[in-house]
Amino acid sequence: MGWDQMRPLLEQGTIDTLYMVGWSTLIAALGGLPIGVLLVLTDRGGMLANAVVNKILGAIVNVGRSLPFIIMMVALIPFTRWVVGTAFGPTAAIVPLAIGAIPFFARLVETSVREVDHGLVEAAQAMGGGTWTVVLKVLLPQSLASLVAGLTTTVIALIGYSAMAGAVGGGGLGTLALTYGHQRFETDFMYVILAVIVVIVTIVQLLGDGVVRLLTRRGRTG
């Protein structure tokens, strides 16, 4: 296969992969952030300590993280079809990608928030700060660099998941690799696809590391 044939396929595959990963990352962040914070707040000694709620949330997160993505994606086909009207293509792949990433990111958020100095929380409470104040003024700002690092890890995991989504018609670079690399034995094209995925992951990691360093530096000088 010549470059003239590869290029349009690569361009569309890359766009589809970025589309899937972008939307699923946004949904995972919106869903995982409050769950992760709630896991800390409802834990023993937390501001909203509630053993029942904490155990239910913990169980949901653990179950979500324990399911192999490819099996979960197949199991979610009826739900995906109900949500977006189809079980195939990049838009359909966003549903299982987001559902798989929410518990993953929630656990990373929990870890990041737990690292915040409890003395800062006590100081905010001593000044009359309620739960919302502590969350918005202390926990999230103080853990922001760690949260960005966790989000970077989530994005990279989603890029890998999106490649697996290609096995069941999710589209993107994963579908191209399987179609042309495995089924049509276009191994050269498959290596090009792998190189593109590596480049995307590297760029995401470099951007994430840069933002983390910037936030850490500001935290030290602030």
N, C-alpha and C. Protein backbone atom coordinates (compact mmCIF):
# COMPACT_ATOMS: atom_id res chain seq x y z
N MET A 1 0.86 -1.20 0.00
CA MET A 1 0.00 0.00 0.00
C MET A 1 0.89 1.25 0.00
N GLY A 2 0.63 2.17 -0.90
CA GLY A 2 1.43 3.38 -0.99
C GLY A 2 0.98 4.43 0.00
N TRP A 3 1.85 5.46 0.17
CA TRP A 3 1.56 6.53 1.12
C TRP A 3 0.30 7.29 0.74
N ASP A 4 0.08 7.45 -0.57
CA ASP A 4 -1.11 8.16 -1.02
C ASP A 4 -2.39 7.46 -0.57
N GLN A 5 -2.32 6.14 -0.46
CA GLN A 5 -3.49 5.39 0.04
C GLN A 5 -3.55 5.40 1.57
N MET A 6 -2.37 5.37 2.19
CA MET A 6 -2.32 5.35 3.66
C MET A 6 -2.81 6.66 4.27
N ARG A 7 -2.39 7.77 3.68
CA ARG A 7 -2.59 9.08 4.33
C ARG A 7 -4.04 9.38 4.67
N PRO A 8 -4.98 9.27 3.71
CA PRO A 8 -6.37 9.60 4.08
C PRO A 8 -6.94 8.65 5.14
N LEU A 9 -6.52 7.38 5.09
CA LEU A 9 -6.99 6.43 6.10
C LEU A 9 -6.44 6.79 7.48
N LEU A 10 -5.15 7.16 7.50
CA LEU A 10 -4.53 7.55 8.77
C LEU A 10 -5.17 8.82 9.34
N GLU A 11 -5.41 9.78 8.46
CA GLU A 11 -6.01 11.04 8.92
C GLU A 11 -7.38 10.79 9.53
N GLN A 12 -8.21 10.02 8.85
CA GLN A 12 -9.56 9.76 9.38
C GLN A 12 -9.49 8.91 10.65
N GLY A 13 -8.59 7.91 10.65
CA GLY A 13 -8.45 7.07 11.84
C GLY A 13 -7.98 7.86 13.04
N THR A 14 -7.04 8.78 12.82
CA THR A 14 -6.53 9.61 13.92
C THR A 14 -7.63 10.54 14.43
N ILE A 15 -8.38 11.14 13.51
CA ILE A 15 -9.49 12.02 13.92
C ILE A 15 -10.51 11.24 14.74
N ASP A 16 -10.86 10.04 14.28
CA ASP A 16 -11.84 9.22 15.01
C ASP A 16 -11.32 8.84 16.40
N THR A 17 -10.04 8.49 16.48
CA THR A 17 -9.47 8.13 17.78
C THR A 17 -9.48 9.32 18.73
N LEU A 18 -9.06 10.49 18.24
CA LEU A 18 -9.05 11.69 19.09
C LEU A 18 -10.48 12.07 19.51
N TYR A 19 -11.43 11.88 18.61
CA TYR A 19 -12.84 12.16 18.91
C TYR A 19 -13.34 11.25 20.03
N MET A 20 -13.05 9.95 19.92
CA MET A 20 -13.49 8.99 20.95
C MET A 20 -12.82 9.30 22.28
N VAL A 21 -11.52 9.48 22.25
CA VAL A 21 -10.76 9.69 23.49
C VAL A 21 -11.13 11.03 24.12
N GLY A 22 -11.31 12.05 23.30
CA GLY A 22 -11.65 13.38 23.83
C GLY A 22 -12.97 13.39 24.58
N TRP A 23 -14.01 12.86 23.96
CA TRP A 23 -15.33 12.87 24.60
C TRP A 23 -15.37 11.94 25.81
N SER A 24 -14.77 10.77 25.69
CA SER A 24 -14.80 9.84 26.83
C SER A 24 -13.98 10.37 27.99
N THR A 25 -12.90 11.11 27.70
CA THR A 25 -12.12 11.73 28.79
C THR A 25 -12.96 12.78 29.50
N LEU A 26 -13.66 13.60 28.74
CA LEU A 26 -14.51 14.64 29.35
C LEU A 26 -15.57 14.01 30.25
N ILE A 27 -16.25 12.99 29.74
CA ILE A 27 -17.29 12.33 30.53
C ILE A 27 -16.69 11.63 31.76
N ALA A 28 -15.54 11.00 31.58
CA ALA A 28 -14.88 10.33 32.70
C ALA A 28 -14.48 11.33 33.78
N ALA A 29 -14.00 12.50 33.37
CA ALA A 29 -13.61 13.52 34.34
C ALA A 29 -14.84 14.03 35.10
N LEU A 30 -15.92 14.29 34.37
CA LEU A 30 -17.14 14.80 35.01
C LEU A 30 -17.76 13.76 35.95
N GLY A 31 -17.64 12.48 35.59
CA GLY A 31 -18.21 11.43 36.45
C GLY A 31 -17.27 10.97 37.54
N GLY A 32 -15.98 10.87 37.21
CA GLY A 32 -15.03 10.32 38.17
C GLY A 32 -14.63 11.29 39.27
N LEU A 33 -14.59 12.59 38.95
CA LEU A 33 -14.17 13.58 39.95
C LEU A 33 -15.09 13.59 41.18
N PRO A 34 -16.41 13.75 41.01
CA PRO A 34 -17.26 13.76 42.21
C PRO A 34 -17.26 12.42 42.95
N ILE A 35 -17.17 11.31 42.22
CA ILE A 35 -17.15 10.01 42.89
C ILE A 35 -15.88 9.86 43.73
N GLY A 36 -14.75 10.28 43.17
CA GLY A 36 -13.49 10.19 43.91
C GLY A 36 -13.51 11.06 45.16
N VAL A 37 -14.04 12.28 45.03
CA VAL A 37 -14.12 13.18 46.20
C VAL A 37 -15.07 12.60 47.24
N LEU A 38 -16.20 12.05 46.79
CA LEU A 38 -17.17 11.45 47.73
C LEU A 38 -16.58 10.26 48.47
N LEU A 39 -15.73 9.50 47.79
CA LEU A 39 -15.08 8.36 48.45
C LEU A 39 -14.25 8.84 49.64
N VAL A 40 -13.63 10.01 49.51
CA VAL A 40 -12.83 10.56 50.62
C VAL A 40 -13.73 11.15 51.70
N LEU A 41 -14.73 11.92 51.28
CA LEU A 41 -15.59 12.61 52.24
C LEU A 41 -16.42 11.64 53.07
N THR A 42 -16.85 10.52 52.46
CA THR A 42 -17.73 9.58 53.17
C THR A 42 -16.95 8.51 53.92
N ASP A 43 -15.63 8.52 53.78
CA ASP A 43 -14.83 7.52 54.48
C ASP A 43 -14.78 7.83 55.98
N ARG A 44 -14.34 6.87 56.76
CA ARG A 44 -14.26 7.06 58.21
C ARG A 44 -13.40 8.29 58.53
N GLY A 45 -13.93 9.19 59.34
CA GLY A 45 -13.22 10.42 59.68
C GLY A 45 -13.42 11.54 58.69
N GLY A 46 -14.12 11.27 57.60
CA GLY A 46 -14.36 12.29 56.57
C GLY A 46 -15.44 13.26 56.99
N MET A 47 -15.59 14.35 56.25
CA MET A 47 -16.56 15.39 56.60
C MET A 47 -17.99 14.90 56.46
N LEU A 48 -18.21 13.91 55.58
CA LEU A 48 -19.57 13.36 55.39
C LEU A 48 -19.55 11.86 55.68
N ALA A 49 -18.82 11.46 56.69
CA ALA A 49 -18.62 10.04 56.99
C ALA A 49 -19.92 9.25 56.95
N ASN A 50 -19.96 8.26 56.10
CA ASN A 50 -21.15 7.42 55.95
C ASN A 50 -20.68 6.07 55.41
N ALA A 51 -20.63 5.08 56.29
CA ALA A 51 -20.05 3.79 55.92
C ALA A 51 -20.82 3.12 54.78
N VAL A 52 -22.14 3.24 54.80
CA VAL A 52 -22.96 2.57 53.78
C VAL A 52 -22.68 3.16 52.40
N VAL A 53 -22.76 4.49 52.32
CA VAL A 53 -22.51 5.16 51.04
C VAL A 53 -21.10 4.87 50.55
N ASN A 54 -20.15 4.92 51.46
CA ASN A 54 -18.75 4.69 51.08
C ASN A 54 -18.54 3.28 50.53
N LYS A 55 -19.16 2.31 51.19
CA LYS A 55 -19.00 0.93 50.73
C LYS A 55 -19.68 0.71 49.38
N ILE A 56 -20.85 1.33 49.18
CA ILE A 56 -21.55 1.19 47.89
C ILE A 56 -20.71 1.81 46.76
N LEU A 57 -20.22 3.03 47.01
CA LEU A 57 -19.39 3.69 46.00
C LEU A 57 -18.12 2.89 45.72
N GLY A 58 -17.50 2.41 46.80
CA GLY A 58 -16.28 1.62 46.64
C GLY A 58 -16.53 0.35 45.85
N ALA A 59 -17.68 -0.30 46.13
CA ALA A 59 -18.01 -1.53 45.41
C ALA A 59 -18.24 -1.25 43.92
N ILE A 60 -18.95 -0.16 43.62
CA ILE A 60 -19.20 0.20 42.21
C ILE A 60 -17.89 0.45 41.48
N VAL A 61 -17.00 1.20 42.13
CA VAL A 61 -15.71 1.50 41.51
C VAL A 61 -14.89 0.23 41.31
N ASN A 62 -14.88 -0.63 42.32
CA ASN A 62 -14.09 -1.87 42.21
C ASN A 62 -14.62 -2.78 41.11
N VAL A 63 -15.95 -2.90 41.02
CA VAL A 63 -16.53 -3.74 39.97
C VAL A 63 -16.22 -3.16 38.60
N GLY A 64 -16.36 -1.85 38.47
CA GLY A 64 -16.09 -1.20 37.19
C GLY A 64 -14.65 -1.37 36.74
N ARG A 65 -13.72 -1.35 37.70
CA ARG A 65 -12.31 -1.48 37.36
C ARG A 65 -11.90 -2.92 37.09
N SER A 66 -12.67 -3.87 37.63
CA SER A 66 -12.28 -5.27 37.50
C SER A 66 -12.73 -5.90 36.19
N LEU A 67 -13.66 -5.25 35.49
CA LEU A 67 -14.19 -5.84 34.26
C LEU A 67 -13.23 -5.62 33.09
N PRO A 68 -12.82 -6.66 32.40
CA PRO A 68 -12.00 -6.48 31.20
C PRO A 68 -12.75 -5.62 30.18
N PHE A 69 -12.05 -4.64 29.61
CA PHE A 69 -12.75 -3.66 28.77
C PHE A 69 -13.44 -4.30 27.57
N ILE A 70 -12.76 -5.23 26.92
CA ILE A 70 -13.33 -5.80 25.70
C ILE A 70 -14.63 -6.56 26.00
N ILE A 71 -14.68 -7.22 27.18
CA ILE A 71 -15.91 -7.95 27.57
C ILE A 71 -16.99 -6.95 27.95
N MET A 72 -16.60 -5.91 28.70
CA MET A 72 -17.58 -4.90 29.10
C MET A 72 -18.18 -4.21 27.88
N MET A 73 -17.34 -3.96 26.86
CA MET A 73 -17.81 -3.28 25.66
C MET A 73 -18.89 -4.11 24.96
N VAL A 74 -18.65 -5.41 24.88
CA VAL A 74 -19.64 -6.30 24.25
C VAL A 74 -20.92 -6.35 25.09
N ALA A 75 -20.75 -6.45 26.42
CA ALA A 75 -21.92 -6.54 27.31
C ALA A 75 -22.77 -5.26 27.24
N LEU A 76 -22.12 -4.14 26.95
CA LEU A 76 -22.83 -2.85 26.93
C LEU A 76 -23.47 -2.55 25.57
N ILE A 77 -23.36 -3.44 24.62
CA ILE A 77 -23.89 -3.15 23.28
C ILE A 77 -25.37 -2.74 23.32
N PRO A 78 -26.24 -3.47 24.04
CA PRO A 78 -27.66 -3.02 24.07
C PRO A 78 -27.82 -1.63 24.66
N PHE A 79 -27.06 -1.35 25.74
CA PHE A 79 -27.14 -0.02 26.37
C PHE A 79 -26.59 1.05 25.41
N THR A 80 -25.48 0.73 24.76
CA THR A 80 -24.89 1.69 23.81
C THR A 80 -25.87 2.00 22.68
N ARG A 81 -26.53 0.96 22.18
CA ARG A 81 -27.50 1.17 21.10
C ARG A 81 -28.67 2.02 21.57
N TRP A 82 -29.05 1.82 22.85
CA TRP A 82 -30.16 2.61 23.41
C TRP A 82 -29.76 4.08 23.57
N VAL A 83 -28.50 4.32 23.92
CA VAL A 83 -28.05 5.70 24.18
C VAL A 83 -27.82 6.47 22.89
N VAL A 84 -27.09 5.88 21.94
CA VAL A 84 -26.70 6.64 20.74
C VAL A 84 -27.34 6.11 19.46
N GLY A 85 -28.13 5.04 19.57
CA GLY A 85 -28.84 4.54 18.41
C GLY A 85 -28.08 3.58 17.54
N THR A 86 -26.82 3.30 17.89
CA THR A 86 -26.02 2.34 17.13
C THR A 86 -24.97 1.75 18.05
N ALA A 87 -24.49 0.57 17.71
CA ALA A 87 -23.45 -0.08 18.50
C ALA A 87 -22.10 -0.06 17.78
N PHE A 88 -22.04 0.60 16.64
CA PHE A 88 -20.81 0.61 15.85
C PHE A 88 -20.38 2.04 15.54
N GLY A 89 -19.07 2.21 15.39
CA GLY A 89 -18.54 3.52 15.03
C GLY A 89 -17.99 4.26 16.23
N PRO A 90 -17.29 5.35 15.97
CA PRO A 90 -16.64 6.12 17.04
C PRO A 90 -17.61 6.66 18.10
N THR A 91 -18.78 7.14 17.66
CA THR A 91 -19.73 7.68 18.64
C THR A 91 -20.21 6.59 19.59
N ALA A 92 -20.48 5.42 19.06
CA ALA A 92 -20.91 4.30 19.91
C ALA A 92 -19.80 3.89 20.87
N ALA A 93 -18.55 3.96 20.43
CA ALA A 93 -17.43 3.54 21.29
C ALA A 93 -17.26 4.46 22.49
N ILE A 94 -17.73 5.70 22.38
CA ILE A 94 -17.58 6.64 23.49
C ILE A 94 -18.28 6.12 24.74
N VAL A 95 -19.42 5.46 24.57
CA VAL A 95 -20.21 5.00 25.73
C VAL A 95 -19.42 4.02 26.60
N PRO A 96 -18.95 2.88 26.06
CA PRO A 96 -18.18 1.97 26.92
C PRO A 96 -16.84 2.56 27.35
N LEU A 97 -16.23 3.38 26.51
CA LEU A 97 -14.96 4.00 26.91
C LEU A 97 -15.17 4.87 28.15
N ALA A 98 -16.21 5.69 28.14
CA ALA A 98 -16.48 6.58 29.27
C ALA A 98 -16.86 5.77 30.52
N ILE A 99 -17.71 4.78 30.35
CA ILE A 99 -18.13 3.96 31.50
C ILE A 99 -16.94 3.21 32.09
N GLY A 100 -16.05 2.76 31.24
CA GLY A 100 -14.86 2.06 31.74
C GLY A 100 -13.88 2.99 32.42
N ALA A 101 -13.82 4.25 31.98
CA ALA A 101 -12.83 5.18 32.51
C ALA A 101 -13.29 5.88 33.79
N ILE A 102 -14.60 6.00 34.01
CA ILE A 102 -15.09 6.72 35.19
C ILE A 102 -14.56 6.09 36.49
N PRO A 103 -14.72 4.78 36.72
CA PRO A 103 -14.18 4.22 37.97
C PRO A 103 -12.66 4.29 38.04
N PHE A 104 -12.01 4.17 36.90
CA PHE A 104 -10.54 4.26 36.85
C PHE A 104 -10.09 5.64 37.34
N PHE A 105 -10.71 6.69 36.78
CA PHE A 105 -10.32 8.05 37.17
C PHE A 105 -10.78 8.37 38.60
N ALA A 106 -11.94 7.83 39.00
CA ALA A 106 -12.43 8.08 40.36
C ALA A 106 -11.43 7.60 41.40
N ARG A 107 -10.83 6.43 41.18
CA ARG A 107 -9.85 5.92 42.14
C ARG A 107 -8.60 6.79 42.15
N LEU A 108 -8.20 7.31 41.00
CA LEU A 108 -7.04 8.20 40.96
C LEU A 108 -7.35 9.52 41.68
N VAL A 109 -8.58 10.01 41.52
CA VAL A 109 -9.00 11.23 42.23
C VAL A 109 -8.96 10.99 43.74
N GLU A 110 -9.49 9.85 44.16
CA GLU A 110 -9.48 9.53 45.60
C GLU A 110 -8.05 9.56 46.15
N THR A 111 -7.13 8.93 45.43
CA THR A 111 -5.73 8.91 45.88
C THR A 111 -5.16 10.33 45.95
N SER A 112 -5.46 11.14 44.96
CA SER A 112 -4.92 12.51 44.93
C SER A 112 -5.47 13.34 46.08
N VAL A 113 -6.77 13.24 46.33
CA VAL A 113 -7.39 14.06 47.38
C VAL A 113 -6.91 13.63 48.77
N ARG A 114 -6.67 12.34 48.94
CA ARG A 114 -6.18 11.85 50.24
C ARG A 114 -4.79 12.40 50.57
N GLU A 115 -4.04 12.81 49.55
CA GLU A 115 -2.69 13.32 49.78
C GLU A 115 -2.68 14.74 50.33
N VAL A 116 -3.83 15.42 50.31
CA VAL A 116 -3.89 16.80 50.80
C VAL A 116 -3.67 16.82 52.31
N ASP A 117 -2.84 17.75 52.77
CA ASP A 117 -2.53 17.90 54.20
C ASP A 117 -3.83 18.10 54.99
N HIS A 118 -4.10 17.18 55.92
CA HIS A 118 -5.35 17.29 56.68
C HIS A 118 -5.38 18.56 57.53
N GLY A 119 -4.18 19.09 57.86
CA GLY A 119 -4.14 20.33 58.64
C GLY A 119 -4.80 21.48 57.91
N LEU A 120 -4.68 21.51 56.57
CA LEU A 120 -5.32 22.57 55.79
C LEU A 120 -6.84 22.45 55.86
N VAL A 121 -7.33 21.21 55.88
CA VAL A 121 -8.78 20.99 55.99
C VAL A 121 -9.27 21.46 57.34
N GLU A 122 -8.54 21.11 58.39
CA GLU A 122 -8.92 21.52 59.75
C GLU A 122 -8.89 23.04 59.88
N ALA A 123 -7.91 23.68 59.24
CA ALA A 123 -7.82 25.14 59.31
C ALA A 123 -9.03 25.78 58.63
N ALA A 124 -9.42 25.22 57.46
CA ALA A 124 -10.58 25.76 56.75
C ALA A 124 -11.86 25.57 57.57
N GLN A 125 -11.98 24.44 58.24
CA GLN A 125 -13.15 24.19 59.08
C GLN A 125 -13.15 25.12 60.29
N ALA A 126 -11.97 25.37 60.85
CA ALA A 126 -11.87 26.26 62.02
C ALA A 126 -12.32 27.67 61.66
N MET A 127 -12.16 28.05 60.39
CA MET A 127 -12.57 29.40 59.96
C MET A 127 -14.02 29.42 59.50
N GLY A 128 -14.74 28.30 59.74
CA GLY A 128 -16.17 28.26 59.42
C GLY A 128 -16.50 27.70 58.06
N GLY A 129 -15.51 27.15 57.38
CA GLY A 129 -15.76 26.61 56.05
C GLY A 129 -16.57 25.32 56.10
N GLY A 130 -17.60 25.24 55.29
CA GLY A 130 -18.42 24.04 55.18
C GLY A 130 -17.81 23.05 54.21
N THR A 131 -18.56 22.00 53.91
CA THR A 131 -18.05 20.94 53.04
C THR A 131 -17.70 21.47 51.65
N TRP A 132 -18.61 22.25 51.07
CA TRP A 132 -18.36 22.79 49.73
C TRP A 132 -17.13 23.68 49.72
N THR A 133 -16.99 24.49 50.76
CA THR A 133 -15.84 25.39 50.84
C THR A 133 -14.54 24.60 50.91
N VAL A 134 -14.54 23.58 51.74
CA VAL A 134 -13.34 22.76 51.89
C VAL A 134 -13.00 22.07 50.57
N VAL A 135 -14.03 21.54 49.89
CA VAL A 135 -13.78 20.84 48.62
C VAL A 135 -13.25 21.80 47.55
N LEU A 136 -13.93 22.95 47.42
CA LEU A 136 -13.60 23.88 46.33
C LEU A 136 -12.38 24.75 46.62
N LYS A 137 -12.15 25.05 47.90
CA LYS A 137 -11.06 25.96 48.25
C LYS A 137 -9.80 25.25 48.75
N VAL A 138 -9.94 24.01 49.17
CA VAL A 138 -8.78 23.31 49.74
C VAL A 138 -8.45 22.02 48.98
N LEU A 139 -9.39 21.08 48.99
CA LEU A 139 -9.08 19.74 48.45
C LEU A 139 -8.72 19.78 46.97
N LEU A 140 -9.58 20.39 46.15
CA LEU A 140 -9.31 20.38 44.71
C LEU A 140 -8.10 21.25 44.33
N PRO A 141 -7.99 22.49 44.84
CA PRO A 141 -6.80 23.28 44.49
C PRO A 141 -5.50 22.63 44.94
N GLN A 142 -5.49 22.07 46.15
CA GLN A 142 -4.25 21.49 46.67
C GLN A 142 -3.86 20.20 45.95
N SER A 143 -4.83 19.52 45.39
CA SER A 143 -4.53 18.25 44.70
C SER A 143 -4.53 18.41 43.19
N LEU A 144 -4.57 19.64 42.70
CA LEU A 144 -4.76 19.87 41.26
C LEU A 144 -3.65 19.23 40.41
N ALA A 145 -2.40 19.41 40.83
CA ALA A 145 -1.29 18.83 40.05
C ALA A 145 -1.42 17.31 39.97
N SER A 146 -1.75 16.70 41.09
CA SER A 146 -1.91 15.24 41.11
C SER A 146 -3.12 14.82 40.28
N LEU A 147 -4.18 15.63 40.30
CA LEU A 147 -5.36 15.32 39.50
C LEU A 147 -5.04 15.36 38.00
N VAL A 148 -4.24 16.34 37.60
CA VAL A 148 -3.84 16.44 36.19
C VAL A 148 -3.00 15.23 35.80
N ALA A 149 -2.11 14.80 36.71
CA ALA A 149 -1.31 13.61 36.43
C ALA A 149 -2.23 12.38 36.27
N GLY A 150 -3.25 12.29 37.12
CA GLY A 150 -4.20 11.19 37.02
C GLY A 150 -5.00 11.24 35.74
N LEU A 151 -5.37 12.45 35.33
CA LEU A 151 -6.13 12.60 34.09
C LEU A 151 -5.27 12.21 32.89
N THR A 152 -3.99 12.57 32.95
CA THR A 152 -3.08 12.19 31.87
C THR A 152 -3.00 10.66 31.75
N THR A 153 -2.88 10.00 32.90
CA THR A 153 -2.86 8.53 32.91
C THR A 153 -4.15 7.97 32.32
N THR A 154 -5.27 8.60 32.65
CA THR A 154 -6.57 8.14 32.15
C THR A 154 -6.65 8.30 30.63
N VAL A 155 -6.17 9.43 30.12
CA VAL A 155 -6.22 9.65 28.66
C VAL A 155 -5.39 8.58 27.94
N ILE A 156 -4.22 8.29 28.47
CA ILE A 156 -3.36 7.29 27.83
C ILE A 156 -4.02 5.90 27.88
N ALA A 157 -4.66 5.60 29.02
CA ALA A 157 -5.38 4.33 29.11
C ALA A 157 -6.51 4.28 28.09
N LEU A 158 -7.20 5.40 27.90
CA LEU A 158 -8.30 5.45 26.95
C LEU A 158 -7.83 5.28 25.51
N ILE A 159 -6.63 5.78 25.21
CA ILE A 159 -6.09 5.58 23.86
C ILE A 159 -5.90 4.08 23.62
N GLY A 160 -5.41 3.36 24.64
CA GLY A 160 -5.28 1.91 24.52
C GLY A 160 -6.63 1.23 24.39
N TYR A 161 -7.59 1.66 25.21
CA TYR A 161 -8.94 1.09 25.13
C TYR A 161 -9.56 1.35 23.75
N SER A 162 -9.31 2.55 23.20
CA SER A 162 -9.92 2.89 21.90
C SER A 162 -9.39 1.96 20.81
N ALA A 163 -8.13 1.53 20.95
CA ALA A 163 -7.59 0.58 19.98
C ALA A 163 -8.31 -0.76 20.10
N MET A 164 -8.61 -1.17 21.35
CA MET A 164 -9.35 -2.42 21.55
C MET A 164 -10.77 -2.30 21.01
N ALA A 165 -11.33 -1.09 21.09
CA ALA A 165 -12.69 -0.88 20.59
C ALA A 165 -12.78 -1.19 19.10
N GLY A 166 -11.63 -1.08 18.41
CA GLY A 166 -11.62 -1.41 16.99
C GLY A 166 -11.97 -2.85 16.69
N ALA A 167 -11.77 -3.72 17.71
CA ALA A 167 -12.07 -5.15 17.50
C ALA A 167 -13.55 -5.41 17.31
N VAL A 168 -14.39 -4.52 17.80
CA VAL A 168 -15.84 -4.71 17.67
C VAL A 168 -16.46 -3.54 16.92
N GLY A 169 -15.72 -2.98 15.97
CA GLY A 169 -16.28 -1.96 15.09
C GLY A 169 -16.31 -0.57 15.68
N GLY A 170 -15.41 -0.27 16.61
CA GLY A 170 -15.39 1.05 17.22
C GLY A 170 -14.81 2.13 16.34
N GLY A 171 -14.10 1.74 15.28
CA GLY A 171 -13.50 2.72 14.40
C GLY A 171 -12.16 3.21 14.94
N GLY A 172 -11.59 4.20 14.27
CA GLY A 172 -10.31 4.76 14.71
C GLY A 172 -9.12 3.93 14.28
N LEU A 173 -7.97 4.22 14.89
CA LEU A 173 -6.73 3.56 14.51
C LEU A 173 -6.75 2.07 14.83
N GLY A 174 -7.47 1.68 15.88
CA GLY A 174 -7.57 0.26 16.22
C GLY A 174 -8.21 -0.55 15.11
N THR A 175 -9.28 -0.03 14.55
CA THR A 175 -9.94 -0.72 13.44
C THR A 175 -9.02 -0.82 12.23
N LEU A 176 -8.29 0.26 11.94
CA LEU A 176 -7.36 0.24 10.80
C LEU A 176 -6.29 -0.82 11.01
N ALA A 177 -5.73 -0.88 12.24
CA ALA A 177 -4.67 -1.84 12.51
C ALA A 177 -5.17 -3.27 12.32
N LEU A 178 -6.37 -3.55 12.81
CA LEU A 178 -6.92 -4.90 12.68
C LEU A 178 -7.28 -5.23 11.23
N THR A 179 -7.90 -4.25 10.57
CA THR A 179 -8.37 -4.49 9.20
C THR A 179 -7.21 -4.70 8.23
N TYR A 180 -6.25 -3.77 8.30
CA TYR A 180 -5.16 -3.83 7.31
C TYR A 180 -3.96 -4.63 7.80
N GLY A 181 -3.71 -4.62 9.10
CA GLY A 181 -2.55 -5.35 9.61
C GLY A 181 -2.81 -6.82 9.79
N HIS A 182 -3.99 -7.18 10.31
CA HIS A 182 -4.28 -8.57 10.62
C HIS A 182 -5.02 -9.28 9.49
N GLN A 183 -6.07 -8.64 8.96
CA GLN A 183 -6.91 -9.31 7.97
C GLN A 183 -6.34 -9.23 6.56
N ARG A 184 -5.64 -8.11 6.22
CA ARG A 184 -5.13 -7.95 4.86
C ARG A 184 -3.61 -8.07 4.79
N PHE A 185 -2.99 -8.35 5.93
CA PHE A 185 -1.53 -8.56 5.99
C PHE A 185 -0.74 -7.37 5.45
N GLU A 186 -1.27 -6.17 5.64
CA GLU A 186 -0.53 -4.95 5.28
C GLU A 186 0.30 -4.57 6.50
N THR A 187 1.36 -5.33 6.75
CA THR A 187 2.13 -5.13 7.98
C THR A 187 2.81 -3.77 8.03
N ASP A 188 3.26 -3.29 6.88
CA ASP A 188 3.91 -1.97 6.87
C ASP A 188 2.95 -0.90 7.34
N PHE A 189 1.71 -0.99 6.88
CA PHE A 189 0.70 0.00 7.28
C PHE A 189 0.42 -0.13 8.78
N MET A 190 0.40 -1.37 9.28
CA MET A 190 0.15 -1.57 10.71
C MET A 190 1.25 -0.92 11.55
N TYR A 191 2.50 -1.05 11.11
CA TYR A 191 3.59 -0.42 11.86
C TYR A 191 3.47 1.10 11.84
N VAL A 192 3.01 1.65 10.72
CA VAL A 192 2.80 3.10 10.65
C VAL A 192 1.71 3.52 11.66
N ILE A 193 0.64 2.71 11.72
CA ILE A 193 -0.44 3.00 12.67
C ILE A 193 0.08 2.95 14.11
N LEU A 194 0.88 1.93 14.41
CA LEU A 194 1.45 1.83 15.75
C LEU A 194 2.32 3.05 16.07
N ALA A 195 3.08 3.51 15.06
CA ALA A 195 3.93 4.69 15.27
C ALA A 195 3.08 5.92 15.57
N VAL A 196 1.95 6.05 14.87
CA VAL A 196 1.06 7.20 15.11
C VAL A 196 0.50 7.14 16.54
N ILE A 197 0.12 5.95 16.99
CA ILE A 197 -0.40 5.80 18.36
C ILE A 197 0.68 6.17 19.37
N VAL A 198 1.91 5.73 19.14
CA VAL A 198 3.01 6.05 20.06
C VAL A 198 3.24 7.56 20.10
N VAL A 199 3.16 8.21 18.95
CA VAL A 199 3.35 9.67 18.90
C VAL A 199 2.25 10.38 19.69
N ILE A 200 1.00 9.93 19.52
CA ILE A 200 -0.10 10.55 20.24
C ILE A 200 0.08 10.39 21.75
N VAL A 201 0.42 9.17 22.19
CA VAL A 201 0.63 8.92 23.63
C VAL A 201 1.77 9.78 24.16
N THR A 202 2.85 9.88 23.38
CA THR A 202 4.00 10.68 23.82
C THR A 202 3.62 12.15 23.98
N ILE A 203 2.88 12.67 23.01
CA ILE A 203 2.46 14.08 23.09
C ILE A 203 1.58 14.31 24.32
N VAL A 204 0.63 13.39 24.56
CA VAL A 204 -0.26 13.53 25.73
C VAL A 204 0.56 13.50 27.01
N GLN A 205 1.51 12.58 27.10
CA GLN A 205 2.33 12.47 28.32
C GLN A 205 3.17 13.73 28.53
N LEU A 206 3.77 14.24 27.45
CA LEU A 206 4.60 15.45 27.57
C LEU A 206 3.75 16.65 27.99
N LEU A 207 2.57 16.80 27.39
CA LEU A 207 1.69 17.90 27.77
C LEU A 207 1.26 17.78 29.23
N GLY A 208 0.88 16.55 29.63
CA GLY A 208 0.46 16.34 31.01
C GLY A 208 1.58 16.64 31.99
N ASP A 209 2.78 16.14 31.70
CA ASP A 209 3.93 16.39 32.58
C ASP A 209 4.23 17.88 32.66
N GLY A 210 4.11 18.57 31.54
CA GLY A 210 4.37 20.01 31.54
C GLY A 210 3.39 20.77 32.42
N VAL A 211 2.11 20.42 32.32
CA VAL A 211 1.10 21.09 33.15
C VAL A 211 1.32 20.77 34.63
N VAL A 212 1.66 19.53 34.93
CA VAL A 212 1.93 19.14 36.33
C VAL A 212 3.10 19.94 36.90
N ARG A 213 4.18 20.05 36.11
CA ARG A 213 5.35 20.82 36.59
C ARG A 213 4.98 22.27 36.82
N LEU A 214 4.18 22.83 35.92
CA LEU A 214 3.78 24.23 36.05
C LEU A 214 2.94 24.44 37.31
N LEU A 215 1.98 23.54 37.55
CA LEU A 215 1.13 23.65 38.72
C LEU A 215 1.92 23.44 40.01
N THR A 216 2.86 22.50 39.99
CA THR A 216 3.69 22.24 41.17
C THR A 216 4.55 23.45 41.50
N ARG A 217 5.12 24.07 40.45
CA ARG A 217 5.95 25.26 40.66
C ARG A 217 5.13 26.40 41.23
N ARG A 218 3.93 26.57 40.71
CA ARG A 218 3.06 27.64 41.22
C ARG A 218 2.66 27.37 42.67
N GLY A 219 2.44 26.07 42.99
CA GLY A 219 2.06 25.72 44.35
C GLY A 219 3.16 26.03 45.34
N ARG A 220 4.42 25.87 44.90
CA ARG A 220 5.54 26.14 45.81
C ARG A 220 5.78 27.62 46.01
N THR A 221 5.51 28.41 44.94
CA THR A 221 5.76 29.85 45.03
C THR A 221 4.55 30.64 45.48
N GLY A 222 3.36 29.95 45.52
CA GLY A 222 2.13 30.66 45.85
C GLY A 222 1.97 30.96 47.33
